Amino acid sequence: MMKMLSVDRFEGNYVICEDSEKKFFAIEKAEAPAGIAEGDILRITDDGAIEIDREETARRKKSVAARQQRVWED
């Protein structure tokens, strides 16, 4: 089963990620995809490959921006 993680922050040599159940995971930066950034959505395949899901990252960032806009409009 593929796992999806959201990049929360960077701490030293680790990328701290969160899953949909609010559990945190540390991935070594050396094992993370190049160009990774806070807010990116990572896909971890059954064989352990880690990829940035650019489509899901863009969708979530757009959703967050829309929510922030609604807050400022109220």
Protein backbone atom coordinates (compact mmCIF):
# COMPACT_ATOMS: atom_id res chain seq x y z
CA MET A 1 0.00 0.00 0.00
CA MET A 2 1.38 3.39 -0.98
CA LYS A 3 1.86 5.92 1.82
CA MET A 4 1.42 9.68 1.44
CA LEU A 5 3.33 12.09 3.68
CA SER A 6 3.38 15.86 3.94
CA VAL A 7 6.74 17.55 4.49
CA ASP A 8 6.40 19.50 7.74
CA ARG A 9 9.93 20.81 8.31
CA PHE A 10 13.65 20.14 8.18
CA GLU A 11 15.68 19.31 11.29
CA GLY A 12 19.41 18.78 10.85
CA ASN A 13 19.89 15.86 8.47
CA TYR A 14 16.22 14.88 8.56
CA VAL A 15 13.02 15.75 6.73
CA ILE A 16 10.14 15.61 9.22
CA CYS A 17 6.93 14.42 7.58
CA GLU A 18 3.36 13.88 8.76
CA ASP A 19 0.82 11.34 7.56
CA SER A 20 -2.99 11.62 7.40
CA GLU A 21 -3.27 10.22 10.94
CA LYS A 22 -1.06 13.03 12.33
CA LYS A 23 1.87 10.65 12.92
CA PHE A 24 5.34 12.06 12.30
CA PHE A 25 8.19 10.37 10.45
CA ALA A 26 11.84 11.35 9.96
CA ILE A 27 13.45 10.65 6.59
CA GLU A 28 17.16 11.23 6.09
CA LYS A 29 17.76 14.12 3.68
CA ALA A 30 20.08 11.87 1.67
CA GLU A 31 17.11 9.56 0.96
CA ALA A 32 14.68 12.36 0.10
CA PRO A 33 14.10 13.46 -3.50
CA ALA A 34 16.14 16.40 -4.80
CA GLY A 35 14.38 19.76 -4.59
CA ILE A 36 12.11 18.76 -1.72
CA ALA A 37 10.45 21.66 0.14
CA GLU A 38 8.16 22.23 3.12
CA GLY A 39 4.57 21.52 2.15
CA ASP A 40 5.47 18.97 -0.54
CA ILE A 41 3.48 15.75 -0.63
CA LEU A 42 5.60 12.61 -0.80
CA ARG A 43 4.53 9.25 -2.14
CA ILE A 44 6.29 6.22 -0.72
CA THR A 45 5.75 3.16 -2.89
CA ASP A 46 5.54 -0.42 -1.67
CA ASP A 47 9.20 -0.95 -2.64
CA GLY A 48 10.28 2.09 -0.58
CA ALA A 49 10.83 4.59 -3.40
CA ILE A 50 10.13 8.19 -2.33
CA GLU A 51 8.76 10.63 -4.91
CA ILE A 52 7.35 14.15 -4.75
CA ASP A 53 3.70 14.11 -5.86
CA ARG A 54 3.71 17.46 -7.66
CA GLU A 55 0.02 17.28 -8.60
CA GLU A 56 -1.15 16.61 -5.05
CA THR A 57 1.25 19.24 -3.68
CA ALA A 58 -0.20 21.87 -6.05
CA ARG A 59 -3.78 20.83 -5.24
CA ARG A 60 -3.22 21.12 -1.49
CA LYS A 61 -1.40 24.45 -1.74
CA LYS A 62 -4.27 25.83 -3.85
CA SER A 63 -6.79 24.57 -1.27
CA VAL A 64 -4.88 26.19 1.61
CA ALA A 65 -4.60 29.48 -0.29
CA ALA A 66 -8.36 29.46 -0.94
CA ARG A 67 -9.09 28.84 2.76
CA GLN A 68 -6.75 31.66 3.77
CA GLN A 69 -8.45 34.00 1.30
CA ARG A 70 -11.88 33.19 2.77
CA VAL A 71 -10.59 33.95 6.29
CA TRP A 72 -9.33 37.36 5.21
CA GLU A 73 -12.62 38.13 3.45
CA ASP A 74 -14.72 37.54 6.61
